[in-house]
Amino acid sequence: MKLDVTKTENDAAFKVFSQKAEKSAVAAFFYAGHGMQINGGNYIVPIDANPRSERDIKREMLKMDDVIDDMGSAKIKLVFFDACRDNPLSRSFSRGNSRGMAAPLEATGTLISFATKHGNTAADGDGKHSPYTQALLAELGNSTGMEIEQILRRVQQQVKANTRGQQEPWRYGSLMEIFLFKSRH
């Protein structure tokens, strides 16, 4: 787990992550922080990012597609992405800027859960966690033997209820196998 990371720290962490994921049957990634959509691509924004042009984005940010690629040959790839925010740079860049996150490229064996639908923004919440992360943690804590799709449906229902319909988590992808969380007890 890494908190408040720079681009250099992000790159180093993903190097280790990709090496471990390559040898794993299941690879899971959770991100809560700032993210944005530029030209249809979703980006993780490190704390030291300060792009002045569209060309700076690939050097200063991490593309979500690259995160999924770093999961290598894992049979099941799970991505939980709590970073659907308005793009603060939309006035600075000339084209391709949209609100919220873009729908990702979907790949078999990959399940991506966004805090909200593409094109929408997610609430930060009032407490320690956003409504999405709070619901996800609650459901994962009570999920022994429950299939991931069922967990995510429950997260979707809980967030939608807690935000009075203002936010609805969305998922993309297709798992070819059933994935259950097991208790560590």
Protein backbone atom coordinates (compact mmCIF):
# COMPACT_ATOMS: atom_id res chain seq x y z
CA MET A 1 0.00 0.00 0.00
CA LYS A 2 1.28 3.44 -0.96
CA LEU A 3 -0.13 6.80 0.13
CA ASP A 4 0.38 10.22 -1.48
CA VAL A 5 2.87 9.04 -4.07
CA THR A 6 4.89 10.94 -6.64
CA LYS A 7 5.25 9.80 -10.25
CA THR A 8 8.65 8.26 -9.48
CA GLU A 9 7.24 6.36 -6.47
CA ASN A 10 4.26 5.27 -8.59
CA ASP A 11 6.53 3.89 -11.30
CA ALA A 12 8.66 2.00 -8.76
CA ALA A 13 5.59 0.53 -7.05
CA PHE A 14 4.14 -0.61 -10.38
CA LYS A 15 7.40 -2.26 -11.34
CA VAL A 16 7.17 -4.44 -8.21
CA PHE A 17 3.41 -4.92 -8.70
CA SER A 18 3.80 -6.11 -12.29
CA GLN A 19 6.49 -8.62 -11.31
CA LYS A 20 4.23 -10.12 -8.63
CA ALA A 21 1.08 -10.00 -10.78
CA GLU A 22 2.82 -11.79 -13.64
CA LYS A 23 3.20 -14.88 -11.44
CA SER A 24 -0.28 -14.72 -9.87
CA ALA A 25 -3.61 -16.28 -10.73
CA VAL A 26 -5.39 -13.17 -9.41
CA ALA A 27 -4.16 -9.58 -9.51
CA ALA A 28 -6.07 -6.83 -7.72
CA PHE A 29 -5.52 -3.08 -7.75
CA PHE A 30 -7.32 -0.43 -5.69
CA TYR A 31 -6.84 3.29 -6.26
CA ALA A 32 -8.48 6.15 -4.41
CA GLY A 33 -7.27 9.58 -5.32
CA HIS A 34 -7.35 12.02 -8.15
CA GLY A 35 -7.99 10.79 -11.65
CA MET A 36 -9.00 12.39 -14.91
CA GLN A 37 -9.99 11.64 -18.47
CA ILE A 38 -8.02 13.09 -21.35
CA ASN A 39 -8.76 12.15 -24.97
CA GLY A 40 -10.78 9.11 -23.86
CA GLY A 41 -8.02 7.75 -21.61
CA ASN A 42 -8.18 7.50 -17.82
CA TYR A 43 -5.22 8.70 -15.80
CA ILE A 44 -4.05 8.39 -12.21
CA VAL A 45 -2.70 11.73 -11.03
CA PRO A 46 0.35 11.53 -8.72
CA ILE A 47 0.74 14.25 -6.11
CA ASP A 48 3.58 15.93 -8.02
CA ALA A 49 1.81 16.07 -11.41
CA ASN A 50 1.65 19.53 -12.92
CA PRO A 51 1.06 19.11 -16.65
CA ARG A 52 1.15 22.30 -18.66
CA SER A 53 0.16 20.68 -21.95
CA GLU A 54 -1.35 17.45 -23.24
CA ARG A 55 2.15 16.18 -24.06
CA ASP A 56 3.08 16.34 -20.36
CA ILE A 57 0.34 13.92 -19.37
CA LYS A 58 2.10 10.72 -20.46
CA ARG A 59 5.26 11.76 -18.57
CA GLU A 60 3.59 12.97 -15.38
CA MET A 61 0.60 10.66 -14.97
CA LEU A 62 -0.14 6.96 -15.12
CA LYS A 63 -2.61 5.66 -17.70
CA MET A 64 -5.11 3.18 -16.29
CA ASP A 65 -4.65 0.90 -19.33
CA ASP A 66 -0.98 0.56 -18.34
CA VAL A 67 -2.02 -0.55 -14.84
CA ILE A 68 -4.10 -3.33 -16.39
CA ASP A 69 -1.23 -4.27 -18.72
CA ASP A 70 1.02 -4.51 -15.63
CA MET A 71 -1.25 -7.27 -14.34
CA GLY A 72 0.35 -9.44 -16.98
CA SER A 73 -0.95 -12.94 -17.43
CA ALA A 74 -3.02 -13.12 -14.23
CA LYS A 75 -6.19 -15.10 -15.05
CA ILE A 76 -8.36 -12.73 -13.04
CA LYS A 77 -7.67 -9.00 -12.95
CA LEU A 78 -9.67 -6.86 -10.52
CA VAL A 79 -9.47 -3.06 -10.59
CA PHE A 80 -11.26 -0.82 -8.08
CA PHE A 81 -11.00 2.79 -9.18
CA ASP A 82 -12.29 5.53 -6.88
CA ALA A 83 -11.08 8.48 -8.91
CA CYS A 84 -13.90 9.92 -10.98
CA ARG A 85 -13.41 13.65 -10.72
CA ASP A 86 -13.81 16.69 -12.91
CA ASN A 87 -10.71 17.52 -14.91
CA PRO A 88 -9.18 20.67 -13.37
CA LEU A 89 -7.12 21.15 -16.53
CA SER A 90 -10.05 21.16 -18.97
CA ARG A 91 -9.72 24.88 -19.63
CA SER A 92 -5.98 24.53 -20.22
CA PHE A 93 -6.10 21.85 -22.89
CA SER A 94 -7.67 22.39 -26.26
CA ARG A 95 -9.38 19.08 -27.01
CA GLY A 96 -10.61 15.76 -25.75
CA ASN A 97 -11.42 16.74 -22.19
CA SER A 98 -14.53 15.36 -20.60
CA ARG A 99 -16.15 15.20 -17.24
CA GLY A 100 -15.52 12.13 -15.06
CA MET A 101 -13.74 9.03 -16.31
CA ALA A 102 -14.05 7.31 -19.69
CA ALA A 103 -15.43 3.83 -20.23
CA PRO A 104 -12.32 1.61 -20.29
CA LEU A 105 -11.29 -0.86 -22.93
CA GLU A 106 -12.77 -4.11 -21.82
CA ALA A 107 -10.78 -7.32 -21.75
CA THR A 108 -11.81 -10.86 -20.90
CA GLY A 109 -10.60 -11.83 -17.46
CA THR A 110 -10.70 -8.23 -16.25
CA LEU A 111 -13.31 -6.63 -14.01
CA ILE A 112 -13.08 -2.88 -13.45
CA SER A 113 -15.23 -1.21 -10.83
CA PHE A 114 -15.52 2.58 -11.00
CA ALA A 115 -16.90 4.73 -8.21
CA THR A 116 -19.46 6.06 -10.69
CA LYS A 117 -20.59 5.77 -14.32
CA HIS A 118 -18.32 7.10 -17.05
CA GLY A 119 -18.83 10.80 -17.70
CA ASN A 120 -20.00 11.42 -14.11
CA THR A 121 -18.11 12.60 -11.07
CA ALA A 122 -17.88 10.82 -7.73
CA ALA A 123 -18.36 12.36 -4.32
CA ASP A 124 -15.42 12.61 -1.94
CA GLY A 125 -17.68 12.06 1.07
CA ASP A 126 -17.69 13.62 4.50
CA GLY A 127 -15.60 11.13 6.42
CA LYS A 128 -12.35 9.27 6.03
CA HIS A 129 -13.56 7.50 2.86
CA SER A 130 -15.70 8.31 -0.14
CA PRO A 131 -19.17 6.75 -0.37
CA TYR A 132 -17.76 4.17 -2.84
CA THR A 133 -14.74 3.16 -0.76
CA GLN A 134 -16.84 3.06 2.40
CA ALA A 135 -19.38 0.73 0.76
CA LEU A 136 -16.66 -1.41 -0.84
CA LEU A 137 -14.85 -1.89 2.48
CA ALA A 138 -18.12 -2.75 4.24
CA GLU A 139 -19.09 -5.31 1.60
CA LEU A 140 -15.62 -6.87 1.41
CA GLY A 141 -15.67 -7.23 5.19
CA ASN A 142 -18.87 -9.28 4.93
CA SER A 143 -18.12 -11.15 1.73
CA THR A 144 -16.70 -14.53 2.70
CA GLY A 145 -17.86 -16.97 0.05
CA MET A 146 -19.64 -14.29 -1.97
CA GLU A 147 -19.03 -13.90 -5.71
CA ILE A 148 -17.40 -10.60 -6.78
CA GLU A 149 -20.30 -9.58 -9.05
CA GLN A 150 -22.71 -9.93 -6.13
CA ILE A 151 -20.41 -7.85 -3.92
CA LEU A 152 -20.24 -5.10 -6.52
CA ARG A 153 -24.02 -5.09 -6.99
CA ARG A 154 -24.37 -4.56 -3.25
CA VAL A 155 -21.79 -1.75 -3.36
CA GLN A 156 -23.72 -0.17 -6.23
CA GLN A 157 -26.99 -0.32 -4.29
CA GLN A 158 -25.43 1.03 -1.10
CA VAL A 159 -23.69 3.99 -2.81
CA LYS A 160 -26.77 4.89 -4.79
CA ALA A 161 -28.87 4.86 -1.60
CA ASN A 162 -26.28 6.77 0.46
CA THR A 163 -25.92 9.49 -2.19
CA ARG A 164 -29.68 9.72 -2.80
CA GLY A 165 -29.25 8.57 -6.38
CA GLN A 166 -26.53 11.12 -7.21
CA GLN A 167 -23.81 8.49 -7.68
CA GLU A 168 -23.97 4.98 -9.04
CA PRO A 169 -20.88 2.77 -9.23
CA TRP A 170 -20.37 1.05 -12.54
CA ARG A 171 -18.40 -1.97 -13.63
CA TYR A 172 -16.89 -3.07 -16.90
CA GLY A 173 -15.33 -6.27 -18.10
CA SER A 174 -15.90 -9.95 -18.17
CA LEU A 175 -14.62 -12.67 -15.88
CA MET A 176 -14.58 -16.15 -17.34
CA GLU A 177 -14.42 -17.74 -13.89
CA ILE A 178 -16.28 -17.26 -10.65
CA PHE A 179 -14.23 -15.34 -8.13
CA LEU A 180 -14.96 -15.60 -4.40
CA PHE A 181 -13.24 -13.83 -1.54
CA LYS A 182 -12.11 -16.18 1.22
CA SER A 183 -11.81 -15.46 4.90
CA ARG A 184 -8.28 -15.36 6.33
CA HIS A 185 -9.44 -17.07 9.55
